[in-house]
Amino acid sequence: MVKFIFIPGFINSVELATAPSDLEIVGFNQLLRDNNPALDQKLTFDDQYDYLEKQLNRSNRYIAFGDSMGATFATYLAFQNPKNIIGLVFGDYVPRYQKLTTRWVDQMMQIEQKSVDNTVIKGLARDSKEIDFTEILLSLHCPIMILKGEKSRFSFEQLPKRLRADCRIIPNAGHDIFQPQPDIVWKHISDFARKISPL
């Protein structure tokens, strides 16, 4: 059975229980989503990544799926752990970690209808900075699939021209590729997993 790491972004409607039975989903907890950081706790990209990487079992091999901003963490996870990450799937992804504003984070959390302590919002705005992952992405040797919503503002033309990836469009979806038809997304992911690690 394929072990599959799921690293969510700020907005995710996906229910992991709907995943095909041939995928063993390991949902990675995120520092921002699963904790209540103290006012002085650092929320830089590195701090968030370190929290994720501690959950990686290095005796296993995985396919990592990073959705939206979760894709930046999946990219870096593959870069730092090439023996463990055998494939990558990205959802609506541009290879950069954005500088986040208080207003943007607040809006995203409202869209997700999640109550987040104002400390998290202020901490992200304070500690985040723009990080370009283009060269790291191009240095990876594992297979990559990128999914984008048909109605998303993201364009495949925003990706590096030298990037070799299987690019797929999810019909009727926007930035949240799992709405309105999660089964289509899981079918692409399951097919990709079988190519990399046949059952």
Protein backbone atom coordinates (compact mmCIF):
# COMPACT_ATOMS: atom_id res chain seq x y z
CA MET A 1 0.00 0.00 0.00
CA VAL A 2 1.26 3.48 -0.90
CA LYS A 3 1.86 5.79 2.03
CA PHE A 4 0.68 9.25 1.14
CA ILE A 5 1.56 12.44 3.02
CA PHE A 6 -1.10 15.16 2.85
CA ILE A 7 0.05 18.69 3.71
CA PRO A 8 -2.90 21.12 3.56
CA GLY A 9 -2.89 24.81 2.78
CA PHE A 10 -4.96 27.42 4.57
CA ILE A 11 -8.19 26.45 2.82
CA ASN A 12 -9.07 22.79 2.39
CA SER A 13 -12.42 21.12 2.00
CA VAL A 14 -10.93 17.67 1.45
CA GLU A 15 -12.14 14.86 3.66
CA LEU A 16 -9.31 12.35 3.90
CA ALA A 17 -11.85 9.60 4.57
CA THR A 18 -12.94 9.86 0.92
CA ALA A 19 -9.50 8.80 -0.32
CA PRO A 20 -9.30 5.52 -2.25
CA SER A 21 -8.57 2.44 -0.17
CA ASP A 22 -5.30 1.83 -2.04
CA LEU A 23 -3.82 5.02 -0.55
CA GLU A 24 -2.73 5.11 3.07
CA ILE A 25 -3.13 8.77 4.00
CA VAL A 26 -0.85 10.29 6.60
CA GLY A 27 -2.28 13.72 7.42
CA PHE A 28 0.55 15.92 8.64
CA ASN A 29 -0.34 18.25 11.49
CA GLN A 30 0.58 21.86 10.86
CA LEU A 31 1.90 24.22 13.47
CA LEU A 32 -0.64 26.87 12.45
CA ARG A 33 -3.70 24.67 12.19
CA ASP A 34 -3.28 22.39 15.16
CA ASN A 35 -1.79 24.54 17.87
CA ASN A 36 -2.32 27.82 19.63
CA PRO A 37 1.13 29.43 19.37
CA ALA A 38 2.27 31.78 22.08
CA LEU A 39 2.69 35.44 21.21
CA ASP A 40 6.48 35.14 21.09
CA GLN A 41 6.56 31.83 19.16
CA LYS A 42 8.28 32.10 15.80
CA LEU A 43 6.12 31.28 12.77
CA THR A 44 8.70 31.52 9.99
CA PHE A 45 8.69 29.05 7.12
CA ASP A 46 11.59 27.19 8.78
CA ASP A 47 9.73 26.91 12.09
CA GLN A 48 6.65 25.52 10.38
CA TYR A 49 8.75 23.14 8.27
CA ASP A 50 10.68 21.81 11.28
CA TYR A 51 7.38 20.99 12.98
CA LEU A 52 6.28 19.01 9.92
CA GLU A 53 9.55 17.17 9.36
CA LYS A 54 9.61 15.84 12.92
CA GLN A 55 6.54 13.79 12.00
CA LEU A 56 8.31 12.03 9.11
CA ASN A 57 9.08 8.36 9.68
CA ARG A 58 12.37 7.89 7.84
CA SER A 59 11.92 4.14 7.60
CA ASN A 60 9.06 4.72 5.12
CA ARG A 61 8.79 5.96 1.55
CA TYR A 62 6.02 8.37 0.66
CA ILE A 63 4.30 10.30 -2.07
CA ALA A 64 3.71 13.82 -0.76
CA PHE A 65 0.70 15.91 -1.73
CA GLY A 66 0.90 19.60 -0.90
CA ASP A 67 -2.17 21.70 -1.56
CA SER A 68 -1.84 25.45 -2.17
CA MET A 69 0.73 26.81 0.31
CA GLY A 70 1.19 23.30 1.65
CA ALA A 71 2.97 22.57 -1.63
CA THR A 72 5.92 24.73 -0.63
CA PHE A 73 6.41 22.53 2.43
CA ALA A 74 6.06 19.37 0.31
CA THR A 75 8.69 20.73 -2.10
CA TYR A 76 11.17 21.36 0.68
CA LEU A 77 10.35 18.02 2.32
CA ALA A 78 11.29 16.24 -0.92
CA PHE A 79 14.46 18.33 -1.26
CA GLN A 80 15.62 17.51 2.27
CA ASN A 81 14.50 13.86 2.23
CA PRO A 82 15.05 12.50 -1.31
CA LYS A 83 15.25 8.89 -0.11
CA ASN A 84 11.85 9.10 1.57
CA ILE A 85 9.79 11.14 -0.90
CA ILE A 86 9.34 9.15 -4.12
CA GLY A 87 6.78 11.42 -5.78
CA LEU A 88 5.07 14.80 -5.45
CA VAL A 89 1.56 16.01 -6.19
CA PHE A 90 0.77 19.71 -6.02
CA GLY A 91 -2.61 21.42 -5.90
CA ASP A 92 -2.84 24.90 -7.47
CA TYR A 93 0.82 25.66 -6.87
CA VAL A 94 3.25 28.45 -7.70
CA PRO A 95 6.76 27.64 -6.36
CA ARG A 96 7.05 30.35 -3.75
CA TYR A 97 6.14 30.96 -0.13
CA GLN A 98 4.39 34.31 0.10
CA LYS A 99 4.88 37.22 2.41
CA LEU A 100 1.60 37.08 4.33
CA THR A 101 -0.27 40.13 5.53
CA THR A 102 -2.53 40.25 8.57
CA ARG A 103 -5.50 41.07 6.35
CA TRP A 104 -4.84 38.16 3.96
CA VAL A 105 -4.47 35.55 6.71
CA ASP A 106 -7.60 36.85 8.45
CA GLN A 107 -9.58 36.62 5.19
CA MET A 108 -8.38 33.09 4.49
CA MET A 109 -9.35 31.88 7.93
CA GLN A 110 -12.80 33.46 7.58
CA ILE A 111 -13.30 31.69 4.26
CA GLU A 112 -12.35 28.43 5.94
CA GLN A 113 -14.74 29.32 8.78
CA LYS A 114 -12.07 28.51 11.31
CA SER A 115 -11.61 30.41 14.53
CA VAL A 116 -7.95 31.33 14.80
CA ASP A 117 -6.39 33.23 17.63
CA ASN A 118 -5.28 36.71 16.59
CA THR A 119 -1.81 35.75 17.84
CA VAL A 120 -1.42 33.38 14.87
CA ILE A 121 -2.44 36.05 12.37
CA LYS A 122 -0.08 38.62 13.85
CA GLY A 123 2.73 36.06 14.10
CA LEU A 124 2.42 35.10 10.43
CA ALA A 125 2.40 38.71 9.30
CA ARG A 126 5.43 39.37 11.48
CA ASP A 127 7.55 36.36 10.52
CA SER A 128 6.65 35.43 6.94
CA LYS A 129 8.76 36.51 4.00
CA GLU A 130 8.82 35.75 0.29
CA ILE A 131 10.82 32.60 -0.54
CA ASP A 132 11.33 31.46 -4.14
CA PHE A 133 11.42 27.66 -4.50
CA THR A 134 12.03 27.57 -8.25
CA GLU A 135 15.62 26.27 -8.14
CA ILE A 136 14.81 23.74 -5.42
CA LEU A 137 11.84 22.49 -7.43
CA LEU A 138 13.96 22.14 -10.58
CA SER A 139 16.62 20.19 -8.66
CA LEU A 140 14.21 17.42 -7.66
CA HIS A 141 14.40 14.07 -9.46
CA CYS A 142 11.15 12.44 -8.33
CA PRO A 143 8.02 12.35 -10.54
CA ILE A 144 5.75 15.39 -10.15
CA MET A 145 2.06 15.92 -10.93
CA ILE A 146 0.40 19.35 -10.69
CA LEU A 147 -3.37 19.75 -10.46
CA LYS A 148 -5.13 23.06 -11.04
CA GLY A 149 -8.76 24.07 -10.89
CA GLU A 150 -10.31 25.05 -14.20
CA LYS A 151 -11.52 28.33 -12.66
CA SER A 152 -8.37 29.03 -10.66
CA ARG A 153 -6.34 32.18 -11.28
CA PHE A 154 -3.23 29.99 -11.23
CA SER A 155 -1.84 29.22 -14.68
CA PHE A 156 0.57 26.49 -15.74
CA GLU A 157 2.47 29.27 -17.54
CA GLN A 158 3.55 30.52 -14.10
CA LEU A 159 5.62 27.37 -13.63
CA PRO A 160 9.32 27.24 -14.57
CA LYS A 161 9.71 26.37 -18.27
CA ARG A 162 12.31 23.70 -17.48
CA LEU A 163 10.04 21.89 -15.04
CA ARG A 164 9.04 18.39 -16.12
CA ALA A 165 5.65 17.64 -14.62
CA ASP A 166 2.36 15.95 -15.46
CA CYS A 167 -0.09 18.88 -15.44
CA ARG A 168 -3.83 18.20 -15.11
CA ILE A 169 -6.90 20.47 -14.99
CA ILE A 170 -9.75 19.70 -12.58
CA PRO A 171 -13.08 20.62 -14.25
CA ASN A 172 -15.34 23.20 -12.54
CA ALA A 173 -12.93 23.65 -9.62
CA GLY A 174 -11.35 26.87 -8.41
CA HIS A 175 -8.37 27.23 -6.08
CA ASP A 176 -9.92 24.55 -3.86
CA ILE A 177 -9.43 21.68 -6.29
CA PHE A 178 -11.51 19.28 -4.18
CA GLN A 179 -14.72 21.22 -4.81
CA PRO A 180 -17.12 20.33 -6.28
CA GLN A 181 -15.85 16.87 -7.37
CA PRO A 182 -13.28 15.36 -4.97
CA ASP A 183 -13.48 11.95 -6.69
CA ILE A 184 -11.82 13.37 -9.82
CA VAL A 185 -8.87 14.63 -7.79
CA TRP A 186 -8.44 11.34 -5.95
CA LYS A 187 -8.60 9.44 -9.27
CA HIS A 188 -5.67 11.48 -10.65
CA ILE A 189 -3.74 11.00 -7.42
CA SER A 190 -4.43 7.27 -7.26
CA ASP A 191 -3.38 6.76 -10.90
CA PHE A 192 -0.18 8.73 -10.28
CA ALA A 193 0.59 6.64 -7.20
CA ARG A 194 0.15 3.37 -9.11
CA LYS A 195 2.61 4.50 -11.79
CA ILE A 196 5.25 5.25 -9.17
CA SER A 197 4.64 2.35 -6.83
CA PRO A 198 2.52 -0.37 -8.48
CA LEU A 199 0.50 -2.52 -6.09
